[in-house]
Amino acid sequence: MTESEFLQYSDELFGYIDECIDTGGWELDCEAGGNVLTIESDNGEQIIVNRHVATQELWIAAKSGGYHFAYHQGQWISGRDGSEFFAVLSQVLSAACNDTVQIPVLN
């Protein structure tokens, strides 16, 4: 993936996550700015989704820890434990708002 393709994908990803949260009705608010999408629950807990352009990775920072994802064979996979980006995002968002959040994979 070229740098411009990565930037385009991550811009689309931020919008997609925001749209999923809006239509899902969860008690979460999104704010995009630069390379960061900040998601905040009603209790003030924040989840940060960040794109790291130099390494072409997606990062998630949450109360439970930090996660880095690289693109492998059509999926964003964590180098640490092999977990998938959308599964981890759904998990940390669910924990933040005490509800079941499911963000489907963006194709």
Protein backbone atom coordinates (compact mmCIF):
# COMPACT_ATOMS: atom_id res chain seq x y z
CA MET A 1 0.00 0.00 0.00
CA THR A 2 1.39 3.41 -0.92
CA GLU A 3 1.44 6.28 1.56
CA SER A 4 -1.37 8.06 -0.27
CA GLU A 5 -3.47 4.86 -0.30
CA PHE A 6 -2.87 4.47 3.44
CA LEU A 7 -3.90 8.07 4.10
CA GLN A 8 -7.03 7.68 1.98
CA TYR A 9 -7.96 4.39 3.68
CA SER A 10 -7.42 5.77 7.18
CA ASP A 11 -9.51 8.88 6.37
CA GLU A 12 -12.30 6.58 5.18
CA LEU A 13 -11.82 4.40 8.27
CA PHE A 14 -12.25 7.34 10.66
CA GLY A 15 -15.46 8.36 8.89
CA TYR A 16 -16.70 4.78 8.85
CA ILE A 17 -16.13 4.31 12.59
CA ASP A 18 -17.90 7.61 13.32
CA GLU A 19 -20.85 6.58 11.13
CA CYS A 20 -21.10 3.13 12.76
CA ILE A 21 -21.14 4.73 16.22
CA ASP A 22 -23.78 7.28 15.17
CA THR A 23 -26.09 4.65 13.70
CA GLY A 24 -25.40 2.14 16.51
CA GLY A 25 -26.88 4.40 19.15
CA TRP A 26 -24.15 3.76 21.71
CA GLU A 27 -23.25 6.39 24.30
CA LEU A 28 -20.06 7.35 22.45
CA ASP A 29 -18.94 10.55 20.71
CA CYS A 30 -16.28 10.86 18.01
CA GLU A 31 -14.00 13.72 17.08
CA ALA A 32 -11.46 13.50 14.26
CA GLY A 33 -8.42 15.74 14.06
CA GLY A 34 -5.35 15.18 11.95
CA ASN A 35 -4.06 11.64 12.41
CA VAL A 36 -6.31 10.92 15.41
CA LEU A 37 -9.90 9.86 16.00
CA THR A 38 -10.90 10.38 19.63
CA ILE A 39 -13.89 8.40 20.88
CA GLU A 40 -15.29 9.34 24.28
CA SER A 41 -17.91 7.57 26.38
CA ASP A 42 -20.44 9.37 28.57
CA ASN A 43 -18.33 8.53 31.63
CA GLY A 44 -15.33 10.37 30.14
CA GLU A 45 -13.29 7.33 29.11
CA GLN A 46 -11.42 7.91 25.87
CA ILE A 47 -10.32 5.54 23.13
CA ILE A 48 -7.85 6.93 20.62
CA VAL A 49 -7.54 5.53 17.10
CA ASN A 50 -4.38 6.82 15.47
CA ARG A 51 -2.79 6.34 12.08
CA HIS A 52 0.99 6.15 12.11
CA VAL A 53 2.00 7.14 8.60
CA ALA A 54 5.72 6.31 8.84
CA THR A 55 5.02 2.64 9.62
CA GLN A 56 1.58 2.49 7.94
CA GLU A 57 0.04 1.15 11.12
CA LEU A 58 -3.25 1.76 12.86
CA TRP A 59 -2.99 2.21 16.63
CA ILE A 60 -5.62 1.95 19.35
CA ALA A 61 -5.02 3.42 22.80
CA ALA A 62 -7.53 2.41 25.46
CA LYS A 63 -7.76 1.91 29.20
CA SER A 64 -6.82 -1.74 28.64
CA GLY A 65 -3.62 -0.84 26.78
CA GLY A 66 -2.11 0.11 23.44
CA TYR A 67 -2.43 -1.91 20.25
CA HIS A 68 -0.58 -1.60 16.91
CA PHE A 69 -1.98 -3.10 13.71
CA ALA A 70 -0.27 -3.66 10.35
CA TYR A 71 -1.95 -4.64 7.11
CA HIS A 72 -1.48 -8.35 6.29
CA GLN A 73 -3.39 -10.32 3.66
CA GLY A 74 -6.43 -8.05 3.64
CA GLN A 75 -6.68 -7.53 7.42
CA TRP A 76 -5.27 -5.20 10.07
CA ILE A 77 -3.49 -7.55 12.48
CA SER A 78 -1.71 -6.89 15.78
CA GLY A 79 1.93 -7.94 15.76
CA ARG A 80 1.74 -8.57 19.50
CA ASP A 81 -1.00 -11.20 19.64
CA GLY A 82 -2.50 -11.64 16.16
CA SER A 83 -5.79 -9.95 17.07
CA GLU A 84 -7.77 -8.14 14.39
CA PHE A 85 -8.33 -4.35 14.48
CA PHE A 86 -12.14 -4.29 14.33
CA ALA A 87 -12.47 -7.03 16.97
CA VAL A 88 -10.21 -5.11 19.38
CA LEU A 89 -11.94 -1.80 18.63
CA SER A 90 -15.35 -3.34 19.31
CA GLN A 91 -14.05 -4.86 22.55
CA VAL A 92 -12.55 -1.63 23.94
CA LEU A 93 -15.59 0.43 22.92
CA SER A 94 -17.90 -2.10 24.59
CA ALA A 95 -15.89 -1.85 27.80
CA ALA A 96 -15.92 1.96 27.69
CA CYS A 97 -19.69 2.33 27.36
CA ASN A 98 -20.87 -0.84 29.16
CA ASP A 99 -22.80 -1.98 26.09
CA THR A 100 -22.20 -4.44 23.28
CA VAL A 101 -20.54 -2.52 20.45
CA GLN A 102 -19.89 -4.21 17.13
CA ILE A 103 -17.99 -2.32 14.44
CA PRO A 104 -18.04 -4.52 11.29
CA VAL A 105 -14.91 -4.92 9.20
CA LEU A 106 -14.53 -2.20 6.58
CA ASN A 107 -13.95 -3.82 3.20
